[in-house]
Protein backbone atom coordinates (compact mmCIF):
# COMPACT_ATOMS: atom_id res chain seq x y z
CA MET A 1 59.52 149.34 45.72
CA GLU A 2 60.89 145.83 45.21
CA LYS A 3 59.21 143.06 47.18
CA ALA A 4 61.44 140.51 48.92
CA GLN A 5 61.21 137.08 47.28
CA THR A 6 60.31 135.18 50.45
CA ASN A 7 56.88 133.95 49.36
CA TYR A 8 58.22 131.21 47.09
CA LYS A 9 61.05 128.77 46.47
CA VAL A 10 61.92 126.91 43.27
CA ALA A 11 63.57 123.50 42.98
CA SER A 12 64.17 120.95 40.24
CA PHE A 13 64.01 117.18 40.12
CA ALA A 14 66.49 116.97 37.24
CA GLY A 15 68.72 113.98 37.86
CA VAL A 16 66.17 112.00 39.87
CA GLU A 17 66.66 109.01 37.55
CA THR A 18 70.23 108.74 38.87
CA ALA A 19 69.44 109.65 42.47
CA GLY A 20 66.36 107.40 42.66
CA ARG A 21 64.57 109.70 45.09
CA MET A 22 64.57 113.41 45.77
CA THR A 23 62.78 115.00 48.72
CA PHE A 24 61.74 118.64 48.75
CA LYS A 25 60.91 119.39 52.40
CA ASP A 26 64.14 121.28 53.03
CA MET A 27 64.67 122.62 49.48
CA LEU A 28 61.24 124.27 49.48
CA ASP A 29 60.81 124.84 53.24
CA LEU A 30 57.60 122.80 53.17
CA SER A 31 55.53 123.18 56.33
CA GLY A 32 52.27 121.38 55.59
CA SER A 33 53.19 118.47 53.37
CA GLU A 34 56.06 116.30 52.23
CA LEU A 35 56.89 115.85 48.57
CA SER A 36 59.27 113.46 46.88
CA VAL A 37 59.95 112.59 43.26
CA ASN A 38 60.94 108.97 42.78
CA ALA A 39 62.40 106.98 39.89
CA LEU A 40 62.43 103.19 39.72
CA PRO A 41 64.37 101.54 36.89
CA ALA A 42 62.53 98.89 34.84
CA GLY A 43 61.84 95.79 36.93
CA VAL A 44 62.89 97.40 40.22
CA SER A 45 60.70 97.58 43.33
CA VAL A 46 60.70 99.79 46.39
CA PRO A 47 62.66 97.42 48.67
CA PHE A 48 60.10 97.39 51.52
CA THR A 49 56.39 97.50 52.30
CA HIS A 50 55.44 100.24 54.74
CA TRP A 51 52.59 102.08 56.44
CA HIS A 52 52.35 105.35 58.36
CA LYS A 53 51.24 106.38 61.81
CA ARG A 54 49.57 109.65 60.72
CA ASN A 55 50.27 110.51 57.10
CA GLU A 56 48.19 109.61 54.07
CA GLU A 57 50.08 109.45 50.79
CA VAL A 58 49.09 110.38 47.26
CA TYR A 59 51.10 108.83 44.43
CA VAL A 60 50.99 110.48 41.00
CA ILE A 61 52.48 108.37 38.20
CA LEU A 62 54.30 110.78 35.86
CA SER A 63 55.63 108.22 33.38
CA GLY A 64 56.01 104.50 32.90
CA LYS A 65 53.93 101.67 34.27
CA GLY A 66 54.09 99.21 37.10
CA GLN A 67 52.32 97.41 39.91
CA PHE A 68 51.00 98.90 43.14
CA TYR A 69 50.41 96.83 46.29
CA VAL A 70 48.07 97.89 49.10
CA ASP A 71 46.90 95.57 51.90
CA GLY A 72 47.43 92.38 49.91
CA GLU A 73 45.90 93.68 46.67
CA GLU A 74 48.02 94.28 43.56
CA PHE A 75 46.90 96.44 40.65
CA ALA A 76 48.41 98.02 37.54
CA VAL A 77 49.37 101.70 37.43
CA ALA A 78 50.53 103.81 34.49
CA GLN A 79 51.17 107.41 33.50
CA GLY A 80 48.23 109.46 34.78
CA SER A 81 47.30 107.13 37.66
CA VAL A 82 46.67 108.86 41.00
CA ILE A 83 46.50 106.65 44.11
CA ARG A 84 45.59 107.76 47.64
CA VAL A 85 46.61 105.42 50.47
CA SER A 86 45.40 105.91 54.05
CA PRO A 87 48.02 105.89 56.81
CA ALA A 88 47.32 102.26 57.80
CA GLY A 89 47.45 100.95 54.24
CA GLU A 90 50.46 98.67 53.79
CA ARG A 91 51.96 99.73 50.45
CA CYS A 92 54.70 98.98 47.95
CA LEU A 93 55.38 99.84 44.30
CA LYS A 94 57.24 98.14 41.45
CA ALA A 95 58.20 99.29 37.95
CA ASP A 96 57.16 97.09 35.02
CA ALA A 97 59.93 94.87 33.64
CA THR A 98 60.02 96.91 30.42
CA SER A 99 59.37 100.41 31.74
CA PRO A 100 61.03 102.69 34.29
CA LEU A 101 58.57 104.40 36.64
CA LEU A 102 58.65 108.09 37.60
CA TYR A 103 56.24 109.24 40.30
CA LEU A 104 55.45 111.92 42.86
CA CYS A 105 54.63 111.00 46.44
CA ILE A 106 52.81 113.63 48.50
CA GLN A 107 52.36 113.07 52.24
CA THR A 108 50.04 115.00 54.50
CA GLU A 109 48.55 114.28 57.88
CA ALA A 110 45.26 112.45 57.38
CA ASN A 111 42.16 114.55 58.12
CA SER A 112 44.19 117.77 58.42
CA LEU A 113 42.71 119.63 55.42
CA VAL A 114 40.43 122.34 56.82
CA GLN A 115 39.51 124.02 53.55
CA ALA A 116 39.86 123.34 49.86
CA THR A 117 41.27 125.64 47.18
CA GLU A 118 37.93 127.18 46.20
CA ASN A 119 37.43 128.34 49.82
CA ASP A 120 41.02 129.41 50.44
CA GLY A 121 42.07 131.30 47.29
CA VAL A 122 41.78 135.10 47.20
CA LEU A 123 41.98 137.13 43.98
CA ALA A 124 44.98 139.48 44.00
CA ALA A 125 45.25 142.93 42.44
CA SER A 126 48.69 142.22 40.93
CA LYS A 127 48.95 140.59 37.50
CA PRO A 128 51.67 138.82 35.52
CA SER A 129 52.74 140.23 32.15
CA TRP A 130 50.61 137.68 30.25
CA LEU A 131 47.26 138.84 31.73
């Protein structure tokens, strides 16, 4: 019996360098978080500083380097940096003059996580071909 493929969706961020920003809420039918992939050309900044009413954000720097601004403080970020900003944190991001910046931004409502992976995951009886 074939199982309906309703438990997952697949999307791609190919072309984000041209688009600048791709959001995945609708593409993946996200219901508990927001996800975007963002590309800033070398020397370019997000054109505004912002904060949120309810959502914290996690930024994951995938490639490049730049400067991050939160509440008047500026600090360097580079591939592998992970930054969490509380809703009230006033934030902005800029790519280094010599390096484009590619990053993920994940938004979730602050204080909404009720259990972590180790308490939520359940071992399944099914197995992929490589196990």
